[in-house]
PDB file of N, CA and C in Angstrom:
ATOM      1  N   UNK A   1     117.181  93.920  82.620  1.00  0.00           N
ATOM      2  CA  UNK A   1     116.831  94.928  83.606  1.00  0.00           C
ATOM      3  C   UNK A   1     115.354  95.293  83.421  1.00  0.00           C
ATOM      4  N   UNK A   2     114.620  95.390  84.510  1.00  0.00           N
ATOM      5  CA  UNK A   2     113.213  95.769  84.411  1.00  0.00           C
ATOM      6  C   UNK A   2     113.045  97.147  83.773  1.00  0.00           C
ATOM      7  N   UNK A   3     112.015  97.284  82.953  1.00  0.00           N
ATOM      8  CA  UNK A   3     111.769  98.550  82.266  1.00  0.00           C
ATOM      9  C   UNK A   3     110.444  99.148  82.711  1.00  0.00           C
ATOM     10  N   UNK A   4     109.990 100.160  81.986  1.00  0.00           N
ATOM     11  CA  UNK A   4     108.765 100.866  82.382  1.00  0.00           C
ATOM     12  C   UNK A   4     107.541  99.955  82.324  1.00  0.00           C
ATOM     13  N   UNK A   5     107.526  98.998  81.411  1.00  0.00           N
ATOM     14  CA  UNK A   5     106.403  98.053  81.354  1.00  0.00           C
ATOM     15  C   UNK A   5     106.297  97.219  82.618  1.00  0.00           C
ATOM     16  N   UNK A   6     107.444  96.779  83.127  1.00  0.00           N
ATOM     17  CA  UNK A   6     107.448  96.025  84.384  1.00  0.00           C
ATOM     18  C   UNK A   6     106.995  96.918  85.547  1.00  0.00           C
ATOM     19  N   UNK A   7     107.448  98.159  85.526  1.00  0.00           N
ATOM     20  CA  UNK A   7     107.033  99.104  86.568  1.00  0.00           C
ATOM     21  C   UNK A   7     105.544  99.390  86.517  1.00  0.00           C
ATOM     22  N   UNK A   8     105.006  99.516  85.299  1.00  0.00           N
ATOM     23  CA  UNK A   8     103.569  99.737  85.138  1.00  0.00           C
ATOM     24  C   UNK A   8     102.780  98.576  85.728  1.00  0.00           C
ATOM     25  N   UNK A   9     103.234  97.365  85.461  1.00  0.00           N
ATOM     26  CA  UNK A   9     102.576  96.187  86.036  1.00  0.00           C
ATOM     27  C   UNK A   9     102.621  96.233  87.557  1.00  0.00           C
ATOM     28  N   UNK A  10     103.763  96.616  88.114  1.00  0.00           N
ATOM     29  CA  UNK A  10     103.879  96.678  89.572  1.00  0.00           C
ATOM     30  C   UNK A  10     102.978  97.756  90.159  1.00  0.00           C
ATOM     31  N   UNK A  11     102.946  98.931  89.518  1.00  0.00           N
ATOM     32  CA  UNK A  11     102.099 100.009  90.021  1.00  0.00           C
ATOM     33  C   UNK A  11     100.637  99.627  90.046  1.00  0.00           C
ATOM     34  N   UNK A  12     100.152  99.042  88.953  1.00  0.00           N
ATOM     35  CA  UNK A  12      98.759  98.583  88.911  1.00  0.00           C
ATOM     36  C   UNK A  12      98.558  97.447  89.913  1.00  0.00           C
ATOM     37  N   UNK A  13      99.544  96.557  90.001  1.00  0.00           N
ATOM     38  CA  UNK A  13      99.449  95.435  90.941  1.00  0.00           C
ATOM     39  C   UNK A  13      99.334  95.879  92.382  1.00  0.00           C
ATOM     40  N   UNK A  14     100.064  96.936  92.738  1.00  0.00           N
ATOM     41  CA  UNK A  14      99.986  97.462  94.103  1.00  0.00           C
ATOM     42  C   UNK A  14      98.553  97.877  94.427  1.00  0.00           C
ATOM     43  N   UNK A  15      97.905  98.565  93.495  1.00  0.00           N
ATOM     44  CA  UNK A  15      96.545  99.038  93.730  1.00  0.00           C
ATOM     45  C   UNK A  15      95.558  97.875  93.736  1.00  0.00           C
ATOM     46  N   UNK A  16      95.735  96.907  92.852  1.00  0.00           N
ATOM     47  CA  UNK A  16      94.845  95.733  92.822  1.00  0.00           C
ATOM     48  C   UNK A  16      94.955  94.968  94.132  1.00  0.00           C
ATOM     49  N   UNK A  17      96.176  94.768  94.613  1.00  0.00           N
ATOM     50  CA  UNK A  17      96.362  94.090  95.897  1.00  0.00           C
ATOM     51  C   UNK A  17      95.655  94.835  97.025  1.00  0.00           C
ATOM     52  N   UNK A  18      95.767  96.152  97.012  1.00  0.00           N
ATOM     53  CA  UNK A  18      95.101  96.960  98.037  1.00  0.00           C
ATOM     54  C   UNK A  18      93.591  96.778  97.976  1.00  0.00           C
ATOM     55  N   UNK A  19      93.035  96.770  96.774  1.00  0.00           N
ATOM     56  CA  UNK A  19      91.592  96.598  96.619  1.00  0.00           C
ATOM     57  C   UNK A  19      91.147  95.224  97.113  1.00  0.00           C
ATOM     58  N   UNK A  20      91.915  94.205  96.810  1.00  0.00           N
ATOM     59  CA  UNK A  20      91.565  92.848  97.253  1.00  0.00           C
ATOM     60  C   UNK A  20      91.578  92.767  98.779  1.00  0.00           C
ATOM     61  N   UNK A  21      92.616  93.327  99.389  1.00  0.00           N
ATOM     62  CA  UNK A  21      92.692  93.330 100.851  1.00  0.00           C
ATOM     63  C   UNK A  21      91.540  94.143 101.437  1.00  0.00           C
ATOM     64  N   UNK A  22      91.206  95.272 100.801  1.00  0.00           N
ATOM     65  CA  UNK A  22      90.085  96.095 101.289  1.00  0.00           C
ATOM     66  C   UNK A  22      88.775  95.317 101.245  1.00  0.00           C
ATOM     67  N   UNK A  23      88.569  94.555 100.194  1.00  0.00           N
ATOM     68  CA  UNK A  23      87.343  93.749 100.092  1.00  0.00           C
ATOM     69  C   UNK A  23      87.315  92.686 101.184  1.00  0.00           C
ATOM     70  N   UNK A  24      88.437  92.009 101.372  1.00  0.00           N
ATOM     71  CA  UNK A  24      88.493  90.954 102.391  1.00  0.00           C
ATOM     72  C   UNK A  24      88.264  91.532 103.775  1.00  0.00           C
ATOM     73  N   UNK A  25      88.980  92.626 104.092  1.00  0.00           N
ATOM     74  CA  UNK A  25      88.859  93.227 105.422  1.00  0.00           C
ATOM     75  C   UNK A  25      87.488  93.881 105.607  1.00  0.00           C
ATOM     76  N   UNK A  26      86.973  94.508 104.567  1.00  0.00           N
ATOM     77  CA  UNK A  26      85.718  95.243 104.687  1.00  0.00           C
ATOM     78  C   UNK A  26      84.464  94.395 104.590  1.00  0.00           C
ATOM     79  N   UNK A  27      84.520  93.286 103.872  1.00  0.00           N
ATOM     80  CA  UNK A  27      83.314  92.493 103.635  1.00  0.00           C
ATOM     81  C   UNK A  27      83.369  91.113 104.288  1.00  0.00           C
ATOM     82  N   UNK A  28      84.429  90.389 104.037  1.00  0.00           N
ATOM     83  CA  UNK A  28      84.499  88.995 104.479  1.00  0.00           C
ATOM     84  C   UNK A  28      84.754  88.900 105.977  1.00  0.00           C
ATOM     85  N   UNK A  29      85.713  89.656 106.481  1.00  0.00           N
ATOM     86  CA  UNK A  29      86.057  89.563 107.901  1.00  0.00           C
ATOM     87  C   UNK A  29      84.885  89.930 108.810  1.00  0.00           C
ATOM     88  N   UNK A  30      84.165  91.052 108.571  1.00  0.00           N
ATOM     89  CA  UNK A  30      83.025  91.348 109.442  1.00  0.00           C
ATOM     90  C   UNK A  30      81.965  90.232 109.436  1.00  0.00           C
ATOM     91  N   UNK A  31      81.762  89.630 108.294  1.00  0.00           N
ATOM     92  CA  UNK A  31      80.810  88.525 108.202  1.00  0.00           C
ATOM     93  C   UNK A  31      81.271  87.340 109.052  1.00  0.00           C
ATOM     94  N   UNK A  32      82.557  87.018 108.984  1.00  0.00           N
ATOM     95  CA  UNK A  32      83.095  85.912 109.776  1.00  0.00           C
ATOM     96  C   UNK A  32      83.100  86.232 111.272  1.00  0.00           C
ATOM     97  N   UNK A  33      83.350  87.489 111.631  1.00  0.00           N
ATOM     98  CA  UNK A  33      83.301  87.897 113.037  1.00  0.00           C
ATOM     99  C   UNK A  33      81.872  87.808 113.549  1.00  0.00           C
ATOM    100  N   UNK A  34      80.931  88.271 112.732  1.00  0.00           N
ATOM    101  CA  UNK A  34      79.514  88.225 113.110  1.00  0.00           C
ATOM    102  C   UNK A  34      79.046  86.792 113.353  1.00  0.00           C
ATOM    103  N   UNK A  35      79.559  85.861 112.583  1.00  0.00           N
ATOM    104  CA  UNK A  35      79.178  84.455 112.729  1.00  0.00           C
ATOM    105  C   UNK A  35      79.990  83.746 113.811  1.00  0.00           C
ATOM    106  N   UNK A  36      80.927  84.454 114.424  1.00  0.00           N
ATOM    107  CA  UNK A  36      81.729  83.885 115.497  1.00  0.00           C
ATOM    108  C   UNK A  36      82.889  83.025 115.024  1.00  0.00           C
ATOM    109  N   UNK A  37      83.234  83.099 113.759  1.00  0.00           N
ATOM    110  CA  UNK A  37      84.329  82.288 113.235  1.00  0.00           C
ATOM    111  C   UNK A  37      85.691  82.950 113.405  1.00  0.00           C
ATOM    112  N   UNK A  38      85.706  84.250 113.604  1.00  0.00           N
ATOM    113  CA  UNK A  38      86.942  84.991 113.859  1.00  0.00           C
ATOM    114  C   UNK A  38      86.739  85.875 115.085  1.00  0.00           C
ATOM    115  N   UNK A  39      87.778  86.013 115.922  1.00  0.00           N
ATOM    116  CA  UNK A  39      87.655  86.903 117.079  1.00  0.00           C
ATOM    117  C   UNK A  39      87.684  88.374 116.652  1.00  0.00           C
ATOM    118  N   UNK A  40      86.993  89.215 117.411  1.00  0.00           N
ATOM    119  CA  UNK A  40      87.008  90.652 117.145  1.00  0.00           C
ATOM    120  C   UNK A  40      88.424  91.196 117.336  1.00  0.00           C
ATOM    121  N   UNK A  41      88.785  92.207 116.553  1.00  0.00           N
ATOM    122  CA  UNK A  41      90.083  92.857 116.696  1.00  0.00           C
ATOM    123  C   UNK A  41      91.246  92.091 116.095  1.00  0.00           C
ATOM    124  N   UNK A  42      90.969  91.029 115.367  1.00  0.00           N
ATOM    125  CA  UNK A  42      92.038  90.213 114.806  1.00  0.00           C
ATOM    126  C   UNK A  42      92.863  90.975 113.776  1.00  0.00           C
ATOM    127  N   UNK A  43      92.253  91.907 113.059  1.00  0.00           N
ATOM    128  CA  UNK A  43      92.944  92.591 111.978  1.00  0.00           C
ATOM    129  C   UNK A  43      93.316  94.032 112.320  1.00  0.00           C
ATOM    130  N   UNK A  44      93.491  94.362 113.579  1.00  0.00           N
ATOM    131  CA  UNK A  44      93.865  95.710 113.986  1.00  0.00           C
ATOM    132  C   UNK A  44      95.237  96.092 113.451  1.00  0.00           C
ATOM    133  N   UNK A  45      96.070  95.126 113.133  1.00  0.00           N
ATOM    134  CA  UNK A  45      97.440  95.358 112.699  1.00  0.00           C
ATOM    135  C   UNK A  45      97.567  95.657 111.208  1.00  0.00           C
ATOM    136  N   UNK A  46      96.495  95.581 110.450  1.00  0.00           N
ATOM    137  CA  UNK A  46      96.572  95.734 108.995  1.00  0.00           C
ATOM    138  C   UNK A  46      97.078  97.120 108.598  1.00  0.00           C
ATOM    139  N   UNK A  47      96.576  98.181 109.205  1.00  0.00           N
ATOM    140  CA  UNK A  47      96.993  99.538 108.847  1.00  0.00           C
ATOM    141  C   UNK A  47      98.476  99.760 109.159  1.00  0.00           C
ATOM    142  N   UNK A  48      98.963  99.429 110.361  1.00  0.00           N
ATOM    143  CA  UNK A  48     100.403  99.612 110.600  1.00  0.00           C
ATOM    144  C   UNK A  48     101.274  98.794 109.638  1.00  0.00           C
ATOM    145  N   UNK A  49     100.864  97.581 109.331  1.00  0.00           N
ATOM    146  CA  UNK A  49     101.632  96.757 108.395  1.00  0.00           C
ATOM    147  C   UNK A  49     101.620  97.389 107.008  1.00  0.00           C
ATOM    148  N   UNK A  50     100.498  97.959 106.604  1.00  0.00           N
ATOM    149  CA  UNK A  50     100.410  98.624 105.308  1.00  0.00           C
ATOM    150  C   UNK A  50     101.349  99.821 105.241  1.00  0.00           C
ATOM    151  N   UNK A  51     101.416 100.583 106.305  1.00  0.00           N
ATOM    152  CA  UNK A  51     102.305 101.744 106.337  1.00  0.00           C
ATOM    153  C   UNK A  51     103.761 101.296 106.259  1.00  0.00           C
ATOM    154  N   UNK A  52     104.120 100.242 106.981  1.00  0.00           N
ATOM    155  CA  UNK A  52     105.479  99.711 106.907  1.00  0.00           C
ATOM    156  C   UNK A  52     105.776  99.227 105.489  1.00  0.00           C
ATOM    157  N   UNK A  53     104.810  98.612 104.845  1.00  0.00           N
ATOM    158  CA  UNK A  53     104.976  98.148 103.473  1.00  0.00           C
ATOM    159  C   UNK A  53     105.265  99.310 102.522  1.00  0.00           C
ATOM    160  N   UNK A  54     104.551 100.415 102.697  1.00  0.00           N
ATOM    161  CA  UNK A  54     104.778 101.589 101.862  1.00  0.00           C
ATOM    162  C   UNK A  54     106.194 102.124 102.079  1.00  0.00           C
ATOM    163  N   UNK A  55     106.629 102.192 103.323  1.00  0.00           N
ATOM    164  CA  UNK A  55     107.982 102.674 103.622  1.00  0.00           C
ATOM    165  C   UNK A  55     109.030 101.746 103.007  1.00  0.00           C
ATOM    166  N   UNK A  56     108.822 100.441 103.093  1.00  0.00           N
ATOM    167  CA  UNK A  56     109.763  99.489 102.513  1.00  0.00           C
ATOM    168  C   UNK A  56     109.803  99.613 100.985  1.00  0.00           C
ATOM    169  N   UNK A  57     108.658  99.879 100.371  1.00  0.00           N
ATOM    170  CA  UNK A  57     108.623 100.063  98.919  1.00  0.00           C
ATOM    171  C   UNK A  57     109.403 101.307  98.523  1.00  0.00           C
ATOM    172  N   UNK A  58     109.231 102.385  99.271  1.00  0.00           N
ATOM    173  CA  UNK A  58     109.984 103.609  98.988  1.00  0.00           C
ATOM    174  C   UNK A  58     111.481 103.340  99.143  1.00  0.00           C
ATOM    175  N   UNK A  59     111.860 102.611 100.183  1.00  0.00           N
ATOM    176  CA  UNK A  59     113.268 102.300 100.391  1.00  0.00           C
ATOM    177  C   UNK A  59     113.823 101.443  99.249  1.00  0.00           C
ATOM    178  N   UNK A  60     113.049 100.488  98.764  1.00  0.00           N
ATOM    179  CA  UNK A  60     113.510  99.624  97.663  1.00  0.00           C
ATOM    180  C   UNK A  60     113.632 100.389  96.354  1.00  0.00           C
ATOM    181  N   UNK A  61     112.964 101.522  96.248  1.00  0.00           N
ATOM    182  CA  UNK A  61     112.969 102.274  94.991  1.00  0.00           C
ATOM    183  C   UNK A  61     114.350 102.808  94.630  1.00  0.00           C
ATOM    184  N   UNK A  62     115.259 102.842  95.569  1.00  0.00           N
ATOM    185  CA  UNK A  62     116.608 103.326  95.263  1.00  0.00           C
ATOM    186  C   UNK A  62     117.294 102.440  94.225  1.00  0.00           C
ATOM    187  N   UNK A  63     116.829 101.213  94.081  1.00  0.00           N
ATOM    188  CA  UNK A  63     117.437 100.284  93.132  1.00  0.00           C
ATOM    189  C   UNK A  63     116.700 100.225  91.796  1.00  0.00           C
ATOM    190  N   UNK A  64     115.621 100.973  91.667  1.00  0.00           N
ATOM    191  CA  UNK A  64     114.832 100.942  90.440  1.00  0.00           C
ATOM    192  C   UNK A  64     115.443 101.870  89.396  1.00  0.00           C
ATOM    193  N   UNK A  65     115.298 101.497  88.135  1.00  0.00           N
ATOM    194  CA  UNK A  65     115.702 102.398  87.063  1.00  0.00           C
ATOM    195  C   UNK A  65     114.653 103.500  86.934  1.00  0.00           C
ATOM    196  N   UNK A  66     115.009 104.568  86.215  1.00  0.00           N
ATOM    197  CA  UNK A  66     114.046 105.655  86.004  1.00  0.00           C
ATOM    198  C   UNK A  66     112.825 105.151  85.242  1.00  0.00           C
ATOM    199  N   UNK A  67     113.044 104.286  84.261  1.00  0.00           N
ATOM    200  CA  UNK A  67     111.919 103.760  83.488  1.00  0.00           C
ATOM    201  C   UNK A  67     110.978 102.939  84.345  1.00  0.00           C
ATOM    202  N   UNK A  68     111.553 102.087  85.199  1.00  0.00           N
ATOM    203  CA  UNK A  68     110.737 101.258  86.089  1.00  0.00           C
ATOM    204  C   UNK A  68     109.948 102.132  87.054  1.00  0.00           C
ATOM    205  N   UNK A  69     110.633 103.119  87.646  1.00  0.00           N
ATOM    206  CA  UNK A  69     109.969 104.043  88.570  1.00  0.00           C
ATOM    207  C   UNK A  69     108.837 104.791  87.872  1.00  0.00           C
ATOM    208  N   UNK A  70     109.097 105.254  86.648  1.00  0.00           N
ATOM    209  CA  UNK A  70     108.044 105.943  85.890  1.00  0.00           C
ATOM    210  C   UNK A  70     106.850 105.039  85.652  1.00  0.00           C
ATOM    211  N   UNK A  71     107.111 103.782  85.330  1.00  0.00           N
ATOM    212  CA  UNK A  71     106.015 102.825  85.127  1.00  0.00           C
ATOM    213  C   UNK A  71     105.198 102.606  86.385  1.00  0.00           C
ATOM    214  N   UNK A  72     105.877 102.486  87.533  1.00  0.00           N
ATOM    215  CA  UNK A  72     105.174 102.301  88.807  1.00  0.00           C
ATOM    216  C   UNK A  72     104.272 103.497  89.094  1.00  0.00           C
ATOM    217  N   UNK A  73     104.818 104.692  88.956  1.00  0.00           N
ATOM    218  CA  UNK A  73     104.045 105.905  89.242  1.00  0.00           C
ATOM    219  C   UNK A  73     102.846 106.016  88.292  1.00  0.00           C
ATOM    220  N   UNK A  74     103.067 105.782  87.016  1.00  0.00           N
ATOM    221  CA  UNK A  74     101.963 105.841  86.053  1.00  0.00           C
ATOM    222  C   UNK A  74     100.921 104.775  86.379  1.00  0.00           C
ATOM    223  N   UNK A  75     101.369 103.571  86.710  1.00  0.00           N
ATOM    224  CA  UNK A  75     100.440 102.500  87.074  1.00  0.00           C
ATOM    225  C   UNK A  75      99.580 102.848  88.281  1.00  0.00           C
ATOM    226  N   UNK A  76     100.211 103.457  89.283  1.00  0.00           N
ATOM    227  CA  UNK A  76      99.461 103.861  90.479  1.00  0.00           C
ATOM    228  C   UNK A  76      98.407 104.902  90.113  1.00  0.00           C
ATOM    229  N   UNK A  77      98.805 105.905  89.339  1.00  0.00           N
ATOM    230  CA  UNK A  77      97.867 106.985  89.019  1.00  0.00           C
ATOM    231  C   UNK A  77      96.828 106.588  87.977  1.00  0.00           C
ATOM    232  N   UNK A  78      97.051 105.497  87.252  1.00  0.00           N
ATOM    233  CA  UNK A  78      96.008 104.973  86.360  1.00  0.00           C
ATOM    234  C   UNK A  78      95.002 104.155  87.170  1.00  0.00           C
ATOM    235  N   UNK A  79      95.510 103.323  88.073  1.00  0.00           N
ATOM    236  CA  UNK A  79      94.640 102.403  88.807  1.00  0.00           C
ATOM    237  C   UNK A  79      93.851 103.074  89.932  1.00  0.00           C
ATOM    238  N   UNK A  80      94.434 104.059  90.601  1.00  0.00           N
ATOM    239  CA  UNK A  80      93.747 104.680  91.743  1.00  0.00           C
ATOM    240  C   UNK A  80      92.356 105.216  91.409  1.00  0.00           C
ATOM    241  N   UNK A  81      92.203 106.043  90.375  1.00  0.00           N
ATOM    242  CA  UNK A  81      90.867 106.571  90.098  1.00  0.00           C
ATOM    243  C   UNK A  81      89.837 105.487  89.778  1.00  0.00           C
ATOM    244  N   UNK A  82      90.281 104.438  89.132  1.00  0.00           N
ATOM    245  CA  UNK A  82      89.361 103.343  88.793  1.00  0.00           C
ATOM    246  C   UNK A  82      88.814 102.709  90.062  1.00  0.00           C
ATOM    247  N   UNK A  83      89.693 102.393  91.004  1.00  0.00           N
ATOM    248  CA  UNK A  83      89.261 101.742  92.230  1.00  0.00           C
ATOM    249  C   UNK A  83      88.550 102.708  93.184  1.00  0.00           C
ATOM    250  N   UNK A  84      88.907 103.992  93.146  1.00  0.00           N
ATOM    251  CA  UNK A  84      88.174 104.980  93.943  1.00  0.00           C
ATOM    252  C   UNK A  84      86.743 105.117  93.439  1.00  0.00           C
ATOM    253  N   UNK A  85      86.595 105.179  92.120  1.00  0.00           N
ATOM    254  CA  UNK A  85      85.258 105.298  91.516  1.00  0.00           C
ATOM    255  C   UNK A  85      84.397 104.081  91.845  1.00  0.00           C
ATOM    256  N   UNK A  86      85.022 102.900  91.884  1.00  0.00           N
ATOM    257  CA  UNK A  86      84.289 101.662  92.196  1.00  0.00           C
ATOM    258  C   UNK A  86      83.985 101.552  93.690  1.00  0.00           C
ATOM    259  N   UNK A  87      84.540 102.443  94.503  1.00  0.00           N
ATOM    260  CA  UNK A  87      84.280 102.411  95.940  1.00  0.00           C
ATOM    261  C   UNK A  87      85.113 101.388  96.685  1.00  0.00           C
ATOM    262  N   UNK A  88      86.170 100.878  96.049  1.00  0.00           N
ATOM    263  CA  UNK A  88      86.997  99.864  96.690  1.00  0.00           C
ATOM    264  C   UNK A  88      88.126 100.460  97.516  1.00  0.00           C
ATOM    265  N   UNK A  89      88.457 101.708  97.252  1.00  0.00           N
ATOM    266  CA  UNK A  89      89.488 102.393  98.017  1.00  0.00           C
ATOM    267  C   UNK A  89      88.918 103.700  98.557  1.00  0.00           C
ATOM    268  N   UNK A  90      89.562 104.229  99.585  1.00  0.00           N
ATOM    269  CA  UNK A  90      89.091 105.467 100.209  1.00  0.00           C
ATOM    270  C   UNK A  90      90.029 106.627  99.870  1.00  0.00           C
ATOM    271  N   UNK A  91      89.647 107.793 100.319  1.00  0.00           N
ATOM    272  CA  UNK A  91      90.493 108.980 100.128  1.00  0.00           C
ATOM    273  C   UNK A  91      91.825 108.807 100.853  1.00  0.00           C
ATOM    274  N   UNK A  92      91.810 108.106 101.994  1.00  0.00           N
ATOM    275  CA  UNK A  92      93.054 107.835 102.711  1.00  0.00           C
ATOM    276  C   UNK A  92      94.004 107.010 101.843  1.00  0.00           C
ATOM    277  N   UNK A  93      93.473 106.040 101.118  1.00  0.00           N
ATOM    278  CA  UNK A  93      94.298 105.252 100.199  1.00  0.00           C
ATOM    279  C   UNK A  93      94.912 106.145  99.132  1.00  0.00           C
ATOM    280  N   UNK A  94      94.145 107.096  98.641  1.00  0.00           N
ATOM    281  CA  UNK A  94      94.646 108.035  97.640  1.00  0.00           C
ATOM    282  C   UNK A  94      95.832 108.819  98.204  1.00  0.00           C
ATOM    283  N   UNK A  95      95.715 109.282  99.425  1.00  0.00           N
ATOM    284  CA  UNK A  95      96.796 110.031 100.066  1.00  0.00           C
ATOM    285  C   UNK A  95      98.022 109.142 100.265  1.00  0.00           C
ATOM    286  N   UNK A  96      97.801 107.924 100.755  1.00  0.00           N
ATOM    287  CA  UNK A  96      98.922 107.019 101.025  1.00  0.00           C
ATOM    288  C   UNK A  96      99.669 106.687  99.740  1.00  0.00           C
ATOM    289  N   UNK A  97      98.944 106.344  98.684  1.00  0.00           N
ATOM    290  CA  UNK A  97      99.619 105.933  97.456  1.00  0.00           C
ATOM    291  C   UNK A  97     100.180 107.112  96.671  1.00  0.00           C
ATOM    292  N   UNK A  98      99.603 108.275  96.829  1.00  0.00           N
ATOM    293  CA  UNK A  98     100.223 109.470  96.243  1.00  0.00           C
ATOM    294  C   UNK A  98     101.532 109.773  96.962  1.00  0.00           C
ATOM    295  N   UNK A  99     101.525 109.625  98.283  1.00  0.00           N
ATOM    296  CA  UNK A  99     102.751 109.819  99.061  1.00  0.00           C
ATOM    297  C   UNK A  99     103.793 108.777  98.664  1.00  0.00           C
ATOM    298  N   UNK A 100     103.364 107.549  98.410  1.00  0.00           N
ATOM    299  CA  UNK A 100     104.270 106.503  97.957  1.00  0.00           C
ATOM    300  C   UNK A 100     104.939 106.910  96.651  1.00  0.00           C
ATOM    301  N   UNK A 101     104.144 107.363  95.700  1.00  0.00           N
ATOM    302  CA  UNK A 101     104.686 107.755  94.396  1.00  0.00           C
ATOM    303  C   UNK A 101     105.637 108.944  94.532  1.00  0.00           C
ATOM    304  N   UNK A 102     105.216 109.956  95.260  1.00  0.00           N
ATOM    305  CA  UNK A 102     106.053 111.147  95.421  1.00  0.00           C
ATOM    306  C   UNK A 102     107.316 110.853  96.234  1.00  0.00           C
ATOM    307  N   UNK A 103     107.170 110.003  97.246  1.00  0.00           N
ATOM    308  CA  UNK A 103     108.326 109.631  98.065  1.00  0.00           C
ATOM    309  C   UNK A 103     109.372 108.869  97.271  1.00  0.00           C
ATOM    310  N   UNK A 104     108.936 107.959  96.425  1.00  0.00           N
ATOM    311  CA  UNK A 104     109.890 107.203  95.620  1.00  0.00           C
ATOM    312  C   UNK A 104     110.608 108.120  94.626  1.00  0.00           C
ATOM    313  N   UNK A 105     109.873 109.036  94.041  1.00  0.00           N
ATOM    314  CA  UNK A 105     110.498 109.981  93.102  1.00  0.00           C
ATOM    315  C   UNK A 105     111.506 110.861  93.837  1.00  0.00           C
ATOM    316  N   UNK A 106     111.109 111.379  95.003  1.00  0.00           N
ATOM    317  CA  UNK A 106     112.009 112.248  95.771  1.00  0.00           C
ATOM    318  C   UNK A 106     113.272 111.494  96.182  1.00  0.00           C
ATOM    319  N   UNK A 107     113.119 110.245  96.630  1.00  0.00           N
ATOM    320  CA  UNK A 107     114.284 109.467  97.025  1.00  0.00           C
ATOM    321  C   UNK A 107     115.191 109.212  95.829  1.00  0.00           C
ATOM    322  N   UNK A 108     114.603 108.895  94.696  1.00  0.00           N
ATOM    323  CA  UNK A 108     115.380 108.615  93.484  1.00  0.00           C
ATOM    324  C   UNK A 108     116.135 109.865  93.033  1.00  0.00           C
ATOM    325  N   UNK A 109     115.489 111.024  93.078  1.00  0.00           N
ATOM    326  CA  UNK A 109     116.153 112.275  92.692  1.00  0.00           C
ATOM    327  C   UNK A 109     117.290 112.576  93.657  1.00  0.00           C
ATOM    328  N   UNK A 110     117.051 112.370  94.953  1.00  0.00           N
ATOM    329  CA  UNK A 110     118.091 112.628  95.952  1.00  0.00           C
ATOM    330  C   UNK A 110     119.285 111.713  95.728  1.00  0.00           C
ATOM    331  N   UNK A 111     119.035 110.445  95.476  1.00  0.00           N
ATOM    332  CA  UNK A 111     120.123 109.487  95.247  1.00  0.00           C
ATOM    333  C   UNK A 111     120.872 109.852  93.969  1.00  0.00           C
ATOM    334  N   UNK A 112     120.131 110.200  92.928  1.00  0.00           N
ATOM    335  CA  UNK A 112     120.754 110.538  91.650  1.00  0.00           C
ATOM    336  C   UNK A 112     121.630 111.792  91.773  1.00  0.00           C
ATOM    337  N   UNK A 113     121.151 112.775  92.521  1.00  0.00           N
ATOM    338  CA  UNK A 113     121.906 114.024  92.652  1.00  0.00           C
ATOM    339  C   UNK A 113     123.113 113.879  93.579  1.00  0.00           C
ATOM    340  N   UNK A 114     123.064 112.906  94.494  1.00  0.00           N
ATOM    341  CA  UNK A 114     124.174 112.712  95.422  1.00  0.00           C
ATOM    342  C   UNK A 114     125.203 111.722  94.885  1.00  0.00           C
ATOM    343  N   UNK A 115     124.867 111.022  93.811  1.00  0.00           N
ATOM    344  CA  UNK A 115     125.790 110.065  93.226  1.00  0.00           C
ATOM    345  C   UNK A 115     125.836 108.740  93.961  1.00  0.00           C
ATOM    346  N   UNK A 116     124.854 108.462  94.799  1.00  0.00           N
ATOM    347  CA  UNK A 116     124.802 107.206  95.571  1.00  0.00           C
ATOM    348  C   UNK A 116     124.622 106.021  94.702  1.00  0.00           C
TER     349      UNK A 116
END
C-alpha cells in the first residue's frame, strides 16, 4: 500500500509537472506561434483541462490512505514556494493547489466520518 513517501513524491511531482507545462506554454508556445509554426489560440483549453484534472485528483483522493494524503499535501506545500520564488508559478497556481490540498483533506474527512 502506498505510504507517505509515495504521497510526498506525488505532491512534489504535481508541482513539477505544473512548472514544466507553465514553461512550455509561457515560453515555447509563444515563440512557435510568433514563427508561424503553431496557430494562435491552440492552447486555450489548457486552463479548463487543468481545473478538471484538479477535480479528478480530489475525487481519486477517496482511495488514498491518510499517510499518502499527508505526503501529497506536504509535497505540495514544500514545492509551491520554491516554484513561486523561481517565478515558474503564479498566485493563481498557489490558490488552485491550496484548494486541491484542502479539498482532498475535506473529502477524506467526510468519507472517514460517514464510514464510506
